[in-house]
Amino acid sequence: MESTHTAEKFAIFQTGGKQYQAVVGKTVAIEKIEGQAGAPLEFNEVLLRKAGTLEIGQPFVGTPVKASIVKQTQGPKLIAFKFKRRKKVRVKKGHRQPLTVIRIEAI
């Protein structure tokens, strides 16, 4: 039987229209946020926090998640290829989403 490890202390926060799990020391790639490497961040839109007791926000929990920027990077290249047969229509476009890698400092 396989056991899945769950952290004792974690939080769920949202930024850029997406939700992420925060565990102290974990690095997370999120939607691009302006800033240099090493800059501190705070995420105030914390939906859920478990640190001994479970806190569920209505809509948000009061205390923020603190993090710092590790680096600015880009995601993998995604190809959008459009093709219409017998019409000589072939369109190939590539896209790389800009990302910010952050390290969770405190929950």
PDB file of N, CA and C in Angstrom:
ATOM      1  N   MET A   1       0.830  -1.179   0.000  1.00  0.00           N
ATOM      2  CA  MET A   1       0.000   0.000   0.000  1.00  0.00           C
ATOM      3  C   MET A   1       0.872   1.238   0.000  1.00  0.00           C
ATOM      4  N   GLU A   2       0.593   2.140  -0.878  1.00  0.00           N
ATOM      5  CA  GLU A   2       1.383   3.350  -1.045  1.00  0.00           C
ATOM      6  C   GLU A   2       0.854   4.457  -0.142  1.00  0.00           C
ATOM      7  N   SER A   3       1.745   5.134   0.563  1.00  0.00           N
ATOM      8  CA  SER A   3       1.300   6.239   1.416  1.00  0.00           C
ATOM      9  C   SER A   3       1.708   7.554   0.766  1.00  0.00           C
ATOM     10  N   THR A   4       0.816   8.515   0.831  1.00  0.00           N
ATOM     11  CA  THR A   4       1.117   9.834   0.299  1.00  0.00           C
ATOM     12  C   THR A   4       1.448  10.746   1.462  1.00  0.00           C
ATOM     13  N   HIS A   5       2.532  11.485   1.337  1.00  0.00           N
ATOM     14  CA  HIS A   5       2.987  12.365   2.412  1.00  0.00           C
ATOM     15  C   HIS A   5       2.255  13.700   2.305  1.00  0.00           C
ATOM     16  N   THR A   6       1.609  14.096   3.388  1.00  0.00           N
ATOM     17  CA  THR A   6       0.970  15.405   3.437  1.00  0.00           C
ATOM     18  C   THR A   6       1.643  16.218   4.522  1.00  0.00           C
ATOM     19  N   ALA A   7       1.847  17.486   4.247  1.00  0.00           N
ATOM     20  CA  ALA A   7       2.518  18.362   5.194  1.00  0.00           C
ATOM     21  C   ALA A   7       1.590  18.698   6.353  1.00  0.00           C
ATOM     22  N   GLU A   8       2.188  18.877   7.526  1.00  0.00           N
ATOM     23  CA  GLU A   8       1.412  19.256   8.710  1.00  0.00           C
ATOM     24  C   GLU A   8       0.931  20.701   8.594  1.00  0.00           C
ATOM     25  N   LYS A   9       1.786  21.567   8.065  1.00  0.00           N
ATOM     26  CA  LYS A   9       1.443  22.976   7.914  1.00  0.00           C
ATOM     27  C   LYS A   9       1.433  23.329   6.426  1.00  0.00           C
ATOM     28  N   PHE A  10       0.306  23.790   5.942  1.00  0.00           N
ATOM     29  CA  PHE A  10       0.225  24.222   4.553  1.00  0.00           C
ATOM     30  C   PHE A  10      -0.875  25.256   4.420  1.00  0.00           C
ATOM     31  N   ALA A  11      -0.890  25.930   3.275  1.00  0.00           N
ATOM     32  CA  ALA A  11      -1.924  26.915   2.977  1.00  0.00           C
ATOM     33  C   ALA A  11      -2.234  26.841   1.493  1.00  0.00           C
ATOM     34  N   ILE A  12      -3.428  27.281   1.134  1.00  0.00           N
ATOM     35  CA  ILE A  12      -3.829  27.400  -0.269  1.00  0.00           C
ATOM     36  C   ILE A  12      -4.042  28.887  -0.528  1.00  0.00           C
ATOM     37  N   PHE A  13      -3.296  29.435  -1.510  1.00  0.00           N
ATOM     38  CA  PHE A  13      -3.450  30.844  -1.853  1.00  0.00           C
ATOM     39  C   PHE A  13      -3.711  30.970  -3.339  1.00  0.00           C
ATOM     40  N   GLN A  14      -4.215  32.140  -3.741  1.00  0.00           N
ATOM     41  CA  GLN A  14      -4.475  32.347  -5.164  1.00  0.00           C
ATOM     42  C   GLN A  14      -3.775  33.614  -5.634  1.00  0.00           C
ATOM     43  N   THR A  15      -3.297  33.540  -6.864  1.00  0.00           N
ATOM     44  CA  THR A  15      -2.690  34.674  -7.540  1.00  0.00           C
ATOM     45  C   THR A  15      -2.756  34.412  -9.036  1.00  0.00           C
ATOM     46  N   GLY A  16      -2.998  35.433  -9.801  1.00  0.00           N
ATOM     47  CA  GLY A  16      -3.074  35.277 -11.250  1.00  0.00           C
ATOM     48  C   GLY A  16      -4.236  34.413 -11.697  1.00  0.00           C
ATOM     49  N   GLY A  17      -5.306  34.329 -10.896  1.00  0.00           N
ATOM     50  CA  GLY A  17      -6.465  33.543 -11.261  1.00  0.00           C
ATOM     51  C   GLY A  17      -6.295  32.048 -11.051  1.00  0.00           C
ATOM     52  N   LYS A  18      -5.198  31.632 -10.405  1.00  0.00           N
ATOM     53  CA  LYS A  18      -4.953  30.214 -10.148  1.00  0.00           C
ATOM     54  C   LYS A  18      -4.679  30.012  -8.661  1.00  0.00           C
ATOM     55  N   GLN A  19      -4.868  28.787  -8.194  1.00  0.00           N
ATOM     56  CA  GLN A  19      -4.648  28.462  -6.786  1.00  0.00           C
ATOM     57  C   GLN A  19      -3.421  27.570  -6.655  1.00  0.00           C
ATOM     58  N   TYR A  20      -2.634  27.807  -5.595  1.00  0.00           N
ATOM     59  CA  TYR A  20      -1.397  27.084  -5.362  1.00  0.00           C
ATOM     60  C   TYR A  20      -1.330  26.632  -3.907  1.00  0.00           C
ATOM     61  N   GLN A  21      -0.612  25.532  -3.657  1.00  0.00           N
ATOM     62  CA  GLN A  21      -0.390  25.058  -2.306  1.00  0.00           C
ATOM     63  C   GLN A  21       0.936  25.600  -1.810  1.00  0.00           C
ATOM     64  N   ALA A  22       0.937  26.133  -0.595  1.00  0.00           N
ATOM     65  CA  ALA A  22       2.140  26.693   0.004  1.00  0.00           C
ATOM     66  C   ALA A  22       2.587  25.826   1.166  1.00  0.00           C
ATOM     67  N   VAL A  23       3.812  25.318   1.094  1.00  0.00           N
ATOM     68  CA  VAL A  23       4.458  24.594   2.178  1.00  0.00           C
ATOM     69  C   VAL A  23       5.788  25.294   2.407  1.00  0.00           C
ATOM     70  N   VAL A  24       6.153  25.537   3.653  1.00  0.00           N
ATOM     71  CA  VAL A  24       7.379  26.276   3.964  1.00  0.00           C
ATOM     72  C   VAL A  24       8.585  25.585   3.330  1.00  0.00           C
ATOM     73  N   GLY A  25       9.383  26.354   2.578  1.00  0.00           N
ATOM     74  CA  GLY A  25      10.572  25.842   1.911  1.00  0.00           C
ATOM     75  C   GLY A  25      10.332  25.355   0.489  1.00  0.00           C
ATOM     76  N   LYS A  26       9.083  25.206   0.079  1.00  0.00           N
ATOM     77  CA  LYS A  26       8.756  24.703  -1.253  1.00  0.00           C
ATOM     78  C   LYS A  26       8.898  25.820  -2.292  1.00  0.00           C
ATOM     79  N   THR A  27       9.362  25.479  -3.505  1.00  0.00           N
ATOM     80  CA  THR A  27       9.406  26.445  -4.603  1.00  0.00           C
ATOM     81  C   THR A  27       8.227  26.177  -5.526  1.00  0.00           C
ATOM     82  N   VAL A  28       7.601  27.261  -5.994  1.00  0.00           N
ATOM     83  CA  VAL A  28       6.404  27.169  -6.827  1.00  0.00           C
ATOM     84  C   VAL A  28       6.575  28.099  -8.018  1.00  0.00           C
ATOM     85  N   ALA A  29       6.238  27.642  -9.221  1.00  0.00           N
ATOM     86  CA  ALA A  29       6.249  28.483 -10.421  1.00  0.00           C
ATOM     87  C   ALA A  29       4.842  29.041 -10.610  1.00  0.00           C
ATOM     88  N   ILE A  30       4.712  30.377 -10.555  1.00  0.00           N
ATOM     89  CA  ILE A  30       3.413  31.034 -10.656  1.00  0.00           C
ATOM     90  C   ILE A  30       3.411  31.981 -11.849  1.00  0.00           C
ATOM     91  N   GLU A  31       2.245  32.570 -12.135  1.00  0.00           N
ATOM     92  CA  GLU A  31       2.145  33.576 -13.189  1.00  0.00           C
ATOM     93  C   GLU A  31       3.122  34.711 -12.901  1.00  0.00           C
ATOM     94  N   LYS A  32       3.603  35.378 -13.925  1.00  0.00           N
ATOM     95  CA  LYS A  32       4.638  36.397 -13.775  1.00  0.00           C
ATOM     96  C   LYS A  32       4.208  37.525 -12.843  1.00  0.00           C
ATOM     97  N   ILE A  33       5.113  37.843 -11.905  1.00  0.00           N
ATOM     98  CA  ILE A  33       4.973  38.978 -10.998  1.00  0.00           C
ATOM     99  C   ILE A  33       6.238  39.796 -11.150  1.00  0.00           C
ATOM    100  N   GLU A  34       6.106  41.114 -11.272  1.00  0.00           N
ATOM    101  CA  GLU A  34       7.271  41.981 -11.428  1.00  0.00           C
ATOM    102  C   GLU A  34       8.120  41.947 -10.167  1.00  0.00           C
ATOM    103  N   GLY A  35       9.443  41.951 -10.344  1.00  0.00           N
ATOM    104  CA  GLY A  35      10.363  41.986  -9.217  1.00  0.00           C
ATOM    105  C   GLY A  35      11.656  41.272  -9.554  1.00  0.00           C
ATOM    106  N   GLN A  36      12.697  41.602  -8.798  1.00  0.00           N
ATOM    107  CA  GLN A  36      14.004  40.995  -8.977  1.00  0.00           C
ATOM    108  C   GLN A  36      14.155  39.786  -8.058  1.00  0.00           C
ATOM    109  N   ALA A  37      15.146  38.947  -8.337  1.00  0.00           N
ATOM    110  CA  ALA A  37      15.417  37.787  -7.499  1.00  0.00           C
ATOM    111  C   ALA A  37      15.777  38.250  -6.091  1.00  0.00           C
ATOM    112  N   GLY A  38      15.199  37.606  -5.095  1.00  0.00           N
ATOM    113  CA  GLY A  38      15.450  37.957  -3.702  1.00  0.00           C
ATOM    114  C   GLY A  38      14.431  38.921  -3.109  1.00  0.00           C
ATOM    115  N   ALA A  39      13.572  39.500  -3.938  1.00  0.00           N
ATOM    116  CA  ALA A  39      12.567  40.448  -3.455  1.00  0.00           C
ATOM    117  C   ALA A  39      11.488  39.717  -2.661  1.00  0.00           C
ATOM    118  N   PRO A  40      11.060  40.276  -1.517  1.00  0.00           N
ATOM    119  CA  PRO A  40      10.011  39.633  -0.727  1.00  0.00           C
ATOM    120  C   PRO A  40       8.623  39.883  -1.317  1.00  0.00           C
ATOM    121  N   LEU A  41       7.717  38.918  -1.117  1.00  0.00           N
ATOM    122  CA  LEU A  41       6.334  39.016  -1.586  1.00  0.00           C
ATOM    123  C   LEU A  41       5.392  38.629  -0.456  1.00  0.00           C
ATOM    124  N   GLU A  42       4.172  39.136  -0.513  1.00  0.00           N
ATOM    125  CA  GLU A  42       3.112  38.705   0.389  1.00  0.00           C
ATOM    126  C   GLU A  42       1.868  38.427  -0.432  1.00  0.00           C
ATOM    127  N   PHE A  43       1.242  37.295  -0.166  1.00  0.00           N
ATOM    128  CA  PHE A  43      -0.006  36.934  -0.831  1.00  0.00           C
ATOM    129  C   PHE A  43      -1.119  37.012   0.201  1.00  0.00           C
ATOM    130  N   ASN A  44      -2.013  37.990   0.030  1.00  0.00           N
ATOM    131  CA  ASN A  44      -3.081  38.220   0.993  1.00  0.00           C
ATOM    132  C   ASN A  44      -4.322  37.377   0.721  1.00  0.00           C
ATOM    133  N   GLU A  45      -4.452  36.828  -0.476  1.00  0.00           N
ATOM    134  CA  GLU A  45      -5.627  36.047  -0.841  1.00  0.00           C
ATOM    135  C   GLU A  45      -5.409  34.580  -0.457  1.00  0.00           C
ATOM    136  N   VAL A  46      -5.386  34.315   0.845  1.00  0.00           N
ATOM    137  CA  VAL A  46      -5.188  32.971   1.380  1.00  0.00           C
ATOM    138  C   VAL A  46      -6.565  32.355   1.620  1.00  0.00           C
ATOM    139  N   LEU A  47      -6.854  31.265   0.932  1.00  0.00           N
ATOM    140  CA  LEU A  47      -8.169  30.639   0.999  1.00  0.00           C
ATOM    141  C   LEU A  47      -8.292  29.661   2.159  1.00  0.00           C
ATOM    142  N   LEU A  48      -7.193  28.962   2.495  1.00  0.00           N
ATOM    143  CA  LEU A  48      -7.232  27.933   3.512  1.00  0.00           C
ATOM    144  C   LEU A  48      -5.870  27.840   4.165  1.00  0.00           C
ATOM    145  N   ARG A  49      -5.840  27.580   5.470  1.00  0.00           N
ATOM    146  CA  ARG A  49      -4.582  27.403   6.190  1.00  0.00           C
ATOM    147  C   ARG A  49      -4.756  26.288   7.200  1.00  0.00           C
ATOM    148  N   LYS A  50      -3.767  25.367   7.212  1.00  0.00           N
ATOM    149  CA  LYS A  50      -3.753  24.315   8.229  1.00  0.00           C
ATOM    150  C   LYS A  50      -2.424  24.384   8.945  1.00  0.00           C
ATOM    151  N   ALA A  51      -2.467  24.819  10.199  1.00  0.00           N
ATOM    152  CA  ALA A  51      -1.289  24.866  11.060  1.00  0.00           C
ATOM    153  C   ALA A  51      -1.778  24.446  12.443  1.00  0.00           C
ATOM    154  N   GLY A  52      -1.928  23.154  12.642  1.00  0.00           N
ATOM    155  CA  GLY A  52      -2.531  22.666  13.876  1.00  0.00           C
ATOM    156  C   GLY A  52      -4.046  22.614  13.730  1.00  0.00           C
ATOM    157  N   THR A  53      -4.655  23.779  13.590  1.00  0.00           N
ATOM    158  CA  THR A  53      -6.096  23.835  13.350  1.00  0.00           C
ATOM    159  C   THR A  53      -6.345  24.261  11.914  1.00  0.00           C
ATOM    160  N   LEU A  54      -7.504  23.949  11.413  1.00  0.00           N
ATOM    161  CA  LEU A  54      -7.867  24.283  10.040  1.00  0.00           C
ATOM    162  C   LEU A  54      -8.632  25.590  10.014  1.00  0.00           C
ATOM    163  N   GLU A  55      -8.132  26.560   9.239  1.00  0.00           N
ATOM    164  CA  GLU A  55      -8.814  27.844   9.054  1.00  0.00           C
ATOM    165  C   GLU A  55      -9.296  27.918   7.615  1.00  0.00           C
ATOM    166  N   ILE A  56     -10.558  28.213   7.438  1.00  0.00           N
ATOM    167  CA  ILE A  56     -11.119  28.378   6.101  1.00  0.00           C
ATOM    168  C   ILE A  56     -11.582  29.814   5.966  1.00  0.00           C
ATOM    169  N   GLY A  57     -11.125  30.501   4.924  1.00  0.00           N
ATOM    170  CA  GLY A  57     -11.445  31.910   4.738  1.00  0.00           C
ATOM    171  C   GLY A  57     -12.869  32.140   4.270  1.00  0.00           C
ATOM    172  N   GLN A  58     -13.376  33.309   4.624  1.00  0.00           N
ATOM    173  CA  GLN A  58     -14.740  33.692   4.233  1.00  0.00           C
ATOM    174  C   GLN A  58     -14.728  35.075   3.587  1.00  0.00           C
ATOM    175  N   PRO A  59     -14.137  35.392   2.478  1.00  0.00           N
ATOM    176  CA  PRO A  59     -13.498  34.503   1.519  1.00  0.00           C
ATOM    177  C   PRO A  59     -12.009  34.268   1.770  1.00  0.00           C
ATOM    178  N   PHE A  60     -11.329  35.121   2.579  1.00  0.00           N
ATOM    179  CA  PHE A  60      -9.892  34.958   2.785  1.00  0.00           C
ATOM    180  C   PHE A  60      -9.567  34.876   4.270  1.00  0.00           C
ATOM    181  N   VAL A  61      -8.442  34.218   4.571  1.00  0.00           N
ATOM    182  CA  VAL A  61      -7.911  34.157   5.928  1.00  0.00           C
ATOM    183  C   VAL A  61      -7.145  35.452   6.172  1.00  0.00           C
ATOM    184  N   GLY A  62      -7.090  35.915   7.419  1.00  0.00           N
ATOM    185  CA  GLY A  62      -6.516  37.217   7.743  1.00  0.00           C
ATOM    186  C   GLY A  62      -5.021  37.372   7.506  1.00  0.00           C
ATOM    187  N   THR A  63      -4.201  36.377   7.840  1.00  0.00           N
ATOM    188  CA  THR A  63      -2.756  36.538   7.744  1.00  0.00           C
ATOM    189  C   THR A  63      -2.232  36.082   6.382  1.00  0.00           C
ATOM    190  N   PRO A  64      -1.258  36.806   5.817  1.00  0.00           N
ATOM    191  CA  PRO A  64      -0.773  36.490   4.461  1.00  0.00           C
ATOM    192  C   PRO A  64       0.266  35.369   4.446  1.00  0.00           C
ATOM    193  N   VAL A  65       0.537  34.856   3.250  1.00  0.00           N
ATOM    194  CA  VAL A  65       1.631  33.917   2.997  1.00  0.00           C
ATOM    195  C   VAL A  65       2.814  34.750   2.527  1.00  0.00           C
ATOM    196  N   LYS A  66       3.990  34.539   3.144  1.00  0.00           N
ATOM    197  CA  LYS A  66       5.189  35.307   2.789  1.00  0.00           C
ATOM    198  C   LYS A  66       6.110  34.439   1.945  1.00  0.00           C
ATOM    199  N   ALA A  67       6.653  35.057   0.896  1.00  0.00           N
ATOM    200  CA  ALA A  67       7.519  34.339  -0.035  1.00  0.00           C
ATOM    201  C   ALA A  67       8.595  35.279  -0.552  1.00  0.00           C
ATOM    202  N   SER A  68       9.550  34.727  -1.283  1.00  0.00           N
ATOM    203  CA  SER A  68      10.570  35.538  -1.940  1.00  0.00           C
ATOM    204  C   SER A  68      10.770  35.004  -3.358  1.00  0.00           C
ATOM    205  N   ILE A  69      11.155  35.908  -4.253  1.00  0.00           N
ATOM    206  CA  ILE A  69      11.358  35.544  -5.656  1.00  0.00           C
ATOM    207  C   ILE A  69      12.700  34.833  -5.811  1.00  0.00           C
ATOM    208  N   VAL A  70      12.690  33.674  -6.458  1.00  0.00           N
ATOM    209  CA  VAL A  70      13.922  32.940  -6.747  1.00  0.00           C
ATOM    210  C   VAL A  70      14.468  33.378  -8.098  1.00  0.00           C
ATOM    211  N   LYS A  71      13.612  33.356  -9.147  1.00  0.00           N
ATOM    212  CA  LYS A  71      14.048  33.783 -10.476  1.00  0.00           C
ATOM    213  C   LYS A  71      12.848  34.046 -11.370  1.00  0.00           C
ATOM    214  N   GLN A  72      13.094  34.761 -12.443  1.00  0.00           N
ATOM    215  CA  GLN A  72      12.115  34.984 -13.513  1.00  0.00           C
ATOM    216  C   GLN A  72      12.506  34.044 -14.649  1.00  0.00           C
ATOM    217  N   THR A  73      11.536  33.315 -15.168  1.00  0.00           N
ATOM    218  CA  THR A  73      11.837  32.332 -16.208  1.00  0.00           C
ATOM    219  C   THR A  73      10.661  32.223 -17.172  1.00  0.00           C
ATOM    220  N   GLN A  74      10.754  31.272 -18.094  1.00  0.00           N
ATOM    221  CA  GLN A  74       9.670  30.997 -19.023  1.00  0.00           C
ATOM    222  C   GLN A  74       9.339  29.513 -18.979  1.00  0.00           C
ATOM    223  N   GLY A  75       8.090  29.204 -19.250  1.00  0.00           N
ATOM    224  CA  GLY A  75       7.646  27.818 -19.285  1.00  0.00           C
ATOM    225  C   GLY A  75       8.086  27.141 -20.566  1.00  0.00           C
ATOM    226  N   PRO A  76       7.665  25.899 -20.769  1.00  0.00           N
ATOM    227  CA  PRO A  76       8.040  25.182 -21.988  1.00  0.00           C
ATOM    228  C   PRO A  76       7.348  25.773 -23.213  1.00  0.00           C
ATOM    229  N   LYS A  77       7.957  25.574 -24.375  1.00  0.00           N
ATOM    230  CA  LYS A  77       7.369  26.085 -25.605  1.00  0.00           C
ATOM    231  C   LYS A  77       6.150  25.257 -25.977  1.00  0.00           C
ATOM    232  N   LEU A  78       5.046  25.937 -26.222  1.00  0.00           N
ATOM    233  CA  LEU A  78       3.807  25.298 -26.659  1.00  0.00           C
ATOM    234  C   LEU A  78       3.566  25.678 -28.111  1.00  0.00           C
ATOM    235  N   ILE A  79       3.180  24.731 -28.927  1.00  0.00           N
ATOM    236  CA  ILE A  79       2.971  24.945 -30.355  1.00  0.00           C
ATOM    237  C   ILE A  79       1.474  24.958 -30.651  1.00  0.00           C
ATOM    238  N   ALA A  80       1.017  26.005 -31.348  1.00  0.00           N
ATOM    239  CA  ALA A  80      -0.361  26.076 -31.837  1.00  0.00           C
ATOM    240  C   ALA A  80      -0.281  25.938 -33.358  1.00  0.00           C
ATOM    241  N   PHE A  81      -0.750  24.823 -33.886  1.00  0.00           N
ATOM    242  CA  PHE A  81      -0.658  24.552 -35.322  1.00  0.00           C
ATOM    243  C   PHE A  81      -2.059  24.457 -35.898  1.00  0.00           C
ATOM    244  N   LYS A  82      -2.346  25.296 -36.888  1.00  0.00           N
ATOM    245  CA  LYS A  82      -3.640  25.281 -37.563  1.00  0.00           C
ATOM    246  C   LYS A  82      -3.423  24.789 -38.990  1.00  0.00           C
ATOM    247  N   PHE A  83      -4.320  23.922 -39.445  1.00  0.00           N
ATOM    248  CA  PHE A  83      -4.170  23.292 -40.753  1.00  0.00           C
ATOM    249  C   PHE A  83      -5.546  23.122 -41.374  1.00  0.00           C
ATOM    250  N   LYS A  84      -5.677  23.549 -42.624  1.00  0.00           N
ATOM    251  CA  LYS A  84      -6.909  23.314 -43.376  1.00  0.00           C
ATOM    252  C   LYS A  84      -6.532  22.559 -44.643  1.00  0.00           C
ATOM    253  N   ARG A  85      -7.082  21.385 -44.764  1.00  0.00           N
ATOM    254  CA  ARG A  85      -6.693  20.548 -45.898  1.00  0.00           C
ATOM    255  C   ARG A  85      -7.214  21.133 -47.206  1.00  0.00           C
ATOM    256  N   ARG A  86      -6.456  20.891 -48.252  1.00  0.00           N
ATOM    257  CA  ARG A  86      -6.770  21.311 -49.627  1.00  0.00           C
ATOM    258  C   ARG A  86      -6.865  22.831 -49.793  1.00  0.00           C
ATOM    259  N   LYS A  87      -6.462  23.606 -48.828  1.00  0.00           N
ATOM    260  CA  LYS A  87      -6.577  25.071 -48.923  1.00  0.00           C
ATOM    261  C   LYS A  87      -5.216  25.762 -48.835  1.00  0.00           C
ATOM    262  N   LYS A  88      -4.154  24.992 -48.635  1.00  0.00           N
ATOM    263  CA  LYS A  88      -2.799  25.519 -48.463  1.00  0.00           C
ATOM    264  C   LYS A  88      -2.722  26.486 -47.277  1.00  0.00           C
ATOM    265  N   VAL A  89      -3.432  26.139 -46.212  1.00  0.00           N
ATOM    266  CA  VAL A  89      -3.407  26.961 -45.002  1.00  0.00           C
ATOM    267  C   VAL A  89      -2.693  26.169 -43.913  1.00  0.00           C
ATOM    268  N   ARG A  90      -1.540  26.675 -43.513  1.00  0.00           N
ATOM    269  CA  ARG A  90      -0.757  26.076 -42.436  1.00  0.00           C
ATOM    270  C   ARG A  90      -0.190  27.219 -41.611  1.00  0.00           C
ATOM    271  N   VAL A  91      -0.589  27.306 -40.346  1.00  0.00           N
ATOM    272  CA  VAL A  91      -0.112  28.366 -39.460  1.00  0.00           C
ATOM    273  C   VAL A  91       0.493  27.716 -38.237  1.00  0.00           C
ATOM    274  N   LYS A  92       1.755  28.008 -37.980  1.00  0.00           N
ATOM    275  CA  LYS A  92       2.440  27.453 -36.820  1.00  0.00           C
ATOM    276  C   LYS A  92       2.898  28.607 -35.936  1.00  0.00           C
ATOM    277  N   LYS A  93       2.437  28.604 -34.685  1.00  0.00           N
ATOM    278  CA  LYS A  93       2.817  29.650 -33.736  1.00  0.00           C
ATOM    279  C   LYS A  93       3.340  28.986 -32.472  1.00  0.00           C
ATOM    280  N   GLY A  94       4.367  29.556 -31.909  1.00  0.00           N
ATOM    281  CA  GLY A  94       4.914  29.062 -30.646  1.00  0.00           C
ATOM    282  C   GLY A  94       4.690  30.086 -29.547  1.00  0.00           C
ATOM    283  N   HIS A  95       4.604  29.606 -28.310  1.00  0.00           N
ATOM    284  CA  HIS A  95       4.386  30.493 -27.167  1.00  0.00           C
ATOM    285  C   HIS A  95       5.110  29.940 -25.956  1.00  0.00           C
ATOM    286  N   ARG A  96       5.772  30.829 -25.204  1.00  0.00           N
ATOM    287  CA  ARG A  96       6.385  30.466 -23.925  1.00  0.00           C
ATOM    288  C   ARG A  96       5.840  31.410 -22.871  1.00  0.00           C
ATOM    289  N   GLN A  97       5.146  30.863 -21.887  1.00  0.00           N
ATOM    290  CA  GLN A  97       4.518  31.662 -20.844  1.00  0.00           C
ATOM    291  C   GLN A  97       5.572  32.166 -19.860  1.00  0.00           C
ATOM    292  N   PRO A  98       5.610  33.482 -19.576  1.00  0.00           N
ATOM    293  CA  PRO A  98       6.540  33.976 -18.552  1.00  0.00           C
ATOM    294  C   PRO A  98       6.088  33.544 -17.162  1.00  0.00           C
ATOM    295  N   LEU A  99       7.031  33.055 -16.357  1.00  0.00           N
ATOM    296  CA  LEU A  99       6.752  32.552 -15.017  1.00  0.00           C
ATOM    297  C   LEU A  99       7.679  33.192 -13.997  1.00  0.00           C
ATOM    298  N   THR A 100       7.256  33.208 -12.754  1.00  0.00           N
ATOM    299  CA  THR A 100       8.075  33.635 -11.641  1.00  0.00           C
ATOM    300  C   THR A 100       8.171  32.453 -10.682  1.00  0.00           C
ATOM    301  N   VAL A 101       9.397  32.053 -10.341  1.00  0.00           N
ATOM    302  CA  VAL A 101       9.610  30.977  -9.384  1.00  0.00           C
ATOM    303  C   VAL A 101       9.779  31.617  -8.013  1.00  0.00           C
ATOM    304  N   ILE A 102       8.964  31.200  -7.041  1.00  0.00           N
ATOM    305  CA  ILE A 102       9.026  31.763  -5.695  1.00  0.00           C
ATOM    306  C   ILE A 102       9.309  30.661  -4.689  1.00  0.00           C
ATOM    307  N   ARG A 103       9.886  31.044  -3.550  1.00  0.00           N
ATOM    308  CA  ARG A 103      10.114  30.119  -2.427  1.00  0.00           C
ATOM    309  C   ARG A 103       9.249  30.595  -1.262  1.00  0.00           C
ATOM    310  N   ILE A 104       8.477  29.699  -0.693  1.00  0.00           N
ATOM    311  CA  ILE A 104       7.596  30.032   0.428  1.00  0.00           C
ATOM    312  C   ILE A 104       8.454  30.151   1.694  1.00  0.00           C
ATOM    313  N   GLU A 105       8.361  31.305   2.354  1.00  0.00           N
ATOM    314  CA  GLU A 105       9.134  31.570   3.559  1.00  0.00           C
ATOM    315  C   GLU A 105       8.340  31.295   4.834  1.00  0.00           C
ATOM    316  N   ALA A 106       7.088  31.766   4.868  1.00  0.00           N
ATOM    317  CA  ALA A 106       6.269  31.591   6.076  1.00  0.00           C
ATOM    318  C   ALA A 106       4.809  31.482   5.689  1.00  0.00           C
ATOM    319  N   ILE A 107       4.062  30.739   6.507  1.00  0.00           N
ATOM    320  CA  ILE A 107       2.633  30.571   6.271  1.00  0.00           C
ATOM    321  C   ILE A 107       1.881  31.335   7.350  1.00  0.00           C
TER     322      ILE A 107
END
